[in-house]
Amino acid sequence: MKSKSEISNSPLAQLEAFNLNPTQLKKLKDALRRGGRLEVWSQDGKEYPMVISKIPDHRISNHQTLEKYKWTGYDYREQLKLAKQTRNALLAVLAELHRLHFQAWNKKEPVRFGNSLLRSLGFSHHEKIRALEALERTGWITVKWHKRKAPQVTIKRGLSHGL
């Protein structure tokens, strides 16, 4: 038998604390009963309940594997803002690589990676080089360096969207 503290700390009891309409509450409870886990995400001082659950095996087609995730939205401006606030050039480089890759017509061709965006965020070209070298060491990209010109970056994995 569970104690009162265990019952009040259970995910179902935590859901009751949120001001949800009956439909939302029913959907979240059903997802919890199917093996999902409750996470509470905070944004702008508010808390939002999220139930994280696996995709049922019967919904995965033959060509799709569990290792691949569905497409998700990517907020480029928010990533740049986070990179600037945290002074993390690697985040800024990843965000810009996402944008350049998305805009590229041929996703397998290298893209030119200039300094102007990173400079506008307060990063030096040395920080850009270190970030590109880190991504190259991990095998995410290959970089063809040119003297006094923007390097050409080929995306190998991580950002490839189906390559």
Protein backbone atom coordinates (compact mmCIF):
# COMPACT_ATOMS: atom_id res chain seq x y z
CA MET A 1 0.00 0.00 0.00
CA LYS A 2 1.35 3.44 -0.91
CA SER A 3 1.72 6.22 1.59
CA LYS A 4 0.08 9.63 1.05
CA SER A 5 3.42 11.17 0.02
CA GLU A 6 3.95 8.47 -2.61
CA ILE A 7 0.45 8.98 -4.00
CA SER A 8 0.80 12.76 -4.16
CA ASN A 9 4.19 12.43 -5.90
CA SER A 10 2.90 10.00 -8.51
CA PRO A 11 2.71 11.38 -12.08
CA LEU A 12 -1.09 11.05 -12.15
CA ALA A 13 -1.40 13.14 -8.98
CA GLN A 14 1.05 15.71 -10.37
CA LEU A 15 -1.13 16.11 -13.46
CA GLU A 16 -4.09 17.02 -11.28
CA ALA A 17 -2.14 20.07 -10.01
CA PHE A 18 -2.08 21.64 -13.48
CA ASN A 19 -5.04 23.62 -14.72
CA LEU A 20 -5.91 21.38 -17.68
CA ASN A 21 -9.19 20.88 -19.43
CA PRO A 22 -10.70 17.35 -19.23
CA THR A 23 -9.62 16.42 -22.77
CA GLN A 24 -5.98 17.37 -22.14
CA LEU A 25 -5.97 15.60 -18.79
CA LYS A 26 -7.42 12.40 -20.32
CA LYS A 27 -4.82 12.35 -23.14
CA LEU A 28 -1.92 12.85 -20.74
CA LYS A 29 -3.23 10.21 -18.31
CA ASP A 30 -3.66 7.71 -21.16
CA ALA A 31 -0.09 8.32 -22.33
CA LEU A 32 1.20 7.79 -18.76
CA ARG A 33 -0.72 4.51 -18.47
CA ARG A 34 0.86 3.32 -21.74
CA GLY A 35 4.36 3.66 -20.24
CA GLY A 36 5.16 7.34 -20.80
CA ARG A 37 7.07 9.45 -18.30
CA LEU A 38 6.01 12.86 -17.00
CA GLU A 39 8.32 15.83 -17.46
CA VAL A 40 7.56 19.40 -16.47
CA TRP A 41 9.03 22.02 -18.79
CA SER A 42 9.33 25.67 -17.78
CA GLN A 43 9.09 28.64 -20.12
CA ASP A 44 8.47 32.29 -19.30
CA GLY A 45 7.87 31.44 -15.64
CA LYS A 46 5.11 28.94 -16.45
CA GLU A 47 5.27 25.17 -16.11
CA TYR A 48 3.90 22.82 -18.76
CA PRO A 49 3.35 19.08 -18.25
CA MET A 50 4.74 16.86 -21.02
CA VAL A 51 4.36 13.11 -21.26
CA ILE A 52 7.25 11.55 -23.14
CA SER A 53 6.33 8.22 -24.72
CA LYS A 54 7.76 5.84 -27.28
CA ILE A 55 6.16 5.37 -30.69
CA PRO A 56 4.32 2.03 -30.61
CA ASP A 57 6.06 -0.63 -32.72
CA HIS A 58 2.98 -1.17 -34.89
CA ARG A 59 3.15 2.48 -36.08
CA ILE A 60 6.71 2.14 -37.41
CA SER A 61 6.90 1.18 -41.07
CA ASN A 62 9.45 -1.27 -42.48
CA HIS A 63 11.79 1.43 -43.84
CA GLN A 64 11.81 3.38 -40.55
CA THR A 65 13.96 2.36 -37.58
CA LEU A 66 13.68 3.29 -33.92
CA GLU A 67 17.02 5.14 -34.09
CA LYS A 68 15.58 7.76 -36.45
CA TYR A 69 13.42 10.49 -35.01
CA LYS A 70 10.63 12.33 -36.72
CA TRP A 71 11.36 15.72 -38.22
CA THR A 72 11.27 18.51 -35.66
CA GLY A 73 11.13 22.26 -35.94
CA TYR A 74 14.38 24.13 -35.36
CA ASP A 75 14.23 27.70 -34.07
CA TYR A 76 17.31 29.28 -35.67
CA ARG A 77 16.96 32.69 -33.99
CA GLU A 78 16.57 31.16 -30.54
CA GLN A 79 19.69 29.03 -31.07
CA LEU A 80 21.68 32.12 -32.08
CA LYS A 81 20.36 34.02 -29.07
CA LEU A 82 21.38 31.14 -26.78
CA ALA A 83 24.83 30.98 -28.38
CA LYS A 84 25.33 34.71 -27.85
CA GLN A 85 24.10 34.64 -24.25
CA THR A 86 26.25 31.64 -23.31
CA ARG A 87 29.22 32.74 -25.43
CA ASN A 88 29.29 29.29 -27.04
CA ALA A 89 30.62 29.46 -30.60
CA LEU A 90 29.85 25.78 -31.22
CA LEU A 91 26.10 26.44 -30.79
CA ALA A 92 26.29 29.34 -33.23
CA VAL A 93 28.22 27.25 -35.76
CA LEU A 94 25.70 24.40 -35.51
CA ALA A 95 22.78 26.81 -35.96
CA GLU A 96 24.39 28.39 -39.01
CA LEU A 97 25.23 24.97 -40.48
CA HIS A 98 21.56 24.01 -40.06
CA ARG A 99 20.51 27.14 -41.93
CA LEU A 100 23.08 26.75 -44.72
CA HIS A 101 22.24 23.08 -45.15
CA PHE A 102 18.50 23.80 -45.25
CA GLN A 103 18.99 26.50 -47.89
CA ALA A 104 21.36 24.43 -50.05
CA TRP A 105 19.87 23.05 -53.23
CA ASN A 106 22.14 20.00 -53.32
CA LYS A 107 22.45 18.70 -49.76
CA LYS A 108 25.58 16.66 -50.57
CA GLU A 109 27.60 19.62 -51.87
CA PRO A 110 29.85 21.59 -49.50
CA VAL A 111 28.67 24.99 -48.26
CA ARG A 112 30.80 28.11 -47.77
CA PHE A 113 30.97 29.10 -44.12
CA GLY A 114 31.86 32.78 -43.71
CA ASN A 115 32.62 34.91 -40.65
CA SER A 116 29.97 37.64 -40.94
CA LEU A 117 27.19 36.04 -38.88
CA LEU A 118 29.51 34.91 -36.11
CA ARG A 119 31.20 38.31 -36.05
CA SER A 120 27.81 39.98 -35.61
CA LEU A 121 27.26 37.77 -32.53
CA GLY A 122 30.64 38.74 -31.08
CA PHE A 123 32.64 35.64 -32.00
CA SER A 124 36.06 35.81 -33.65
CA HIS A 125 37.17 33.78 -36.64
CA HIS A 126 39.44 31.84 -34.27
CA GLU A 127 36.38 30.67 -32.29
CA LYS A 128 34.69 29.65 -35.54
CA ILE A 129 37.76 27.65 -36.54
CA ARG A 130 37.87 25.88 -33.14
CA ALA A 131 34.18 24.99 -33.39
CA LEU A 132 34.56 23.66 -36.95
CA GLU A 133 37.62 21.64 -35.90
CA ALA A 134 35.66 20.15 -32.98
CA LEU A 135 32.83 19.09 -35.30
CA GLU A 136 35.38 17.70 -37.75
CA ARG A 137 37.08 15.65 -35.00
CA THR A 138 33.74 14.09 -34.02
CA GLY A 139 33.04 13.12 -37.63
CA TRP A 140 29.99 15.33 -38.17
CA ILE A 141 31.58 17.42 -40.93
CA THR A 142 34.61 17.61 -43.18
CA VAL A 143 36.21 20.97 -43.83
CA LYS A 144 38.25 22.05 -46.83
CA TRP A 145 40.33 24.99 -45.64
CA HIS A 146 41.35 27.84 -47.95
CA LYS A 147 43.82 30.60 -47.18
CA ARG A 148 42.02 33.92 -46.75
CA LYS A 149 38.71 32.47 -48.00
CA ALA A 150 35.72 30.95 -46.28
CA PRO A 151 36.13 27.21 -45.67
CA GLN A 152 33.95 24.72 -47.51
CA VAL A 153 32.02 22.49 -45.11
CA THR A 154 30.55 19.12 -46.08
CA ILE A 155 28.04 17.69 -43.64
CA LYS A 156 28.56 13.98 -43.04
CA ARG A 157 26.08 13.25 -40.24
CA GLY A 158 24.03 14.91 -37.52
CA LEU A 159 22.45 17.59 -39.72
CA SER A 160 22.01 15.56 -42.88
CA HIS A 161 18.19 15.01 -42.89
CA GLY A 162 18.19 11.79 -44.86
CA LEU A 163 21.66 11.74 -46.45
